[in-house]
């Protein structure tokens, strides 16, 4: 996730096509070691796409259903 965030920060900062050194520079600035392979995977996956489009294409967060007392085998109010 940190590599994707660094990529998005670079784009928001005006860099239309961030590369591995850009991601590394952002992560290094906050004391995070950068794995060049992971950064390269993010750059490759995101290149040729607009960040806004990637965000809108992402699957929506699945809503978690509430557990009922019966499912848990006890009730707080009994």
Protein backbone atom coordinates (compact mmCIF):
# COMPACT_ATOMS: atom_id res chain seq x y z
CA UNK A 1 0.00 0.00 0.00
CA UNK A 2 2.84 2.39 0.76
CA UNK A 3 4.12 2.12 -2.82
CA UNK A 4 0.70 2.93 -4.27
CA UNK A 5 0.37 5.88 -1.90
CA UNK A 6 3.79 7.19 -2.89
CA UNK A 7 2.84 6.83 -6.57
CA UNK A 8 -0.39 8.78 -6.01
CA UNK A 9 1.48 11.47 -4.03
CA UNK A 10 3.90 11.88 -6.92
CA UNK A 11 1.01 12.27 -9.37
CA UNK A 12 -0.73 14.75 -7.07
CA UNK A 13 2.53 16.67 -6.88
CA UNK A 14 2.49 17.20 -10.64
CA UNK A 15 4.55 14.25 -11.88
CA UNK A 16 2.39 12.71 -14.62
CA UNK A 17 4.56 9.58 -14.94
CA UNK A 18 6.32 8.71 -11.68
CA UNK A 19 9.05 6.10 -11.83
CA UNK A 20 10.88 3.97 -9.26
CA UNK A 21 13.33 6.72 -8.18
CA UNK A 22 10.37 9.07 -7.59
CA UNK A 23 8.65 6.53 -5.36
CA UNK A 24 11.93 5.79 -3.59
CA UNK A 25 12.52 9.50 -2.93
CA UNK A 26 9.07 9.92 -1.38
CA UNK A 27 9.39 6.83 0.82
CA UNK A 28 12.95 7.72 1.87
CA UNK A 29 11.77 11.19 2.90
CA UNK A 30 9.65 9.62 5.64
CA UNK A 31 12.15 6.95 6.67
CA UNK A 32 10.65 3.97 4.82
CA UNK A 33 12.98 1.58 3.01
CA UNK A 34 11.97 1.10 -0.61
CA UNK A 35 11.93 -2.31 -2.27
CA UNK A 36 12.71 -1.51 -5.91
CA UNK A 37 10.88 -4.62 -7.16
CA UNK A 38 7.64 -3.67 -5.43
CA UNK A 39 7.95 -0.07 -6.60
CA UNK A 40 8.54 -1.29 -10.16
CA UNK A 41 5.42 -3.46 -9.97
CA UNK A 42 3.33 -0.44 -8.98
CA UNK A 43 4.83 1.72 -11.72
CA UNK A 44 4.20 -1.00 -14.31
CA UNK A 45 0.62 -1.60 -13.14
CA UNK A 46 -0.26 2.10 -13.08
CA UNK A 47 1.55 3.30 -16.19
CA UNK A 48 -0.76 4.26 -19.00
CA UNK A 49 -3.68 4.82 -16.62
CA UNK A 50 -5.01 7.92 -14.92
CA UNK A 51 -4.99 7.64 -11.13
CA UNK A 52 -8.57 8.93 -10.93
CA UNK A 53 -9.71 6.15 -13.29
CA UNK A 54 -7.90 3.51 -11.25
CA UNK A 55 -9.57 4.71 -8.06
CA UNK A 56 -13.04 4.65 -9.61
CA UNK A 57 -12.46 1.17 -11.10
CA UNK A 58 -11.46 -0.30 -7.75
CA UNK A 59 -14.03 -2.64 -6.26
CA UNK A 60 -16.21 -1.11 -3.59
CA UNK A 61 -15.53 -2.10 -0.02
CA UNK A 62 -17.65 -5.07 0.91
CA UNK A 63 -20.05 -4.26 3.71
CA UNK A 64 -19.68 -6.43 6.73
CA UNK A 65 -22.89 -7.87 8.05
CA UNK A 66 -23.63 -7.49 11.72
CA UNK A 67 -23.44 -10.64 13.76
CA UNK A 68 -26.58 -11.48 15.64
CA UNK A 69 -26.57 -12.67 19.22
CA UNK A 70 -28.05 -15.99 18.11
CA UNK A 71 -25.10 -16.60 15.82
CA UNK A 72 -22.68 -16.16 18.67
CA UNK A 73 -24.48 -18.51 21.06
CA UNK A 74 -25.23 -15.98 23.78
CA UNK A 75 -26.99 -12.71 24.38
CA UNK A 76 -25.79 -9.80 26.42
CA UNK A 77 -29.28 -9.00 27.67
CA UNK A 78 -30.53 -12.46 28.72
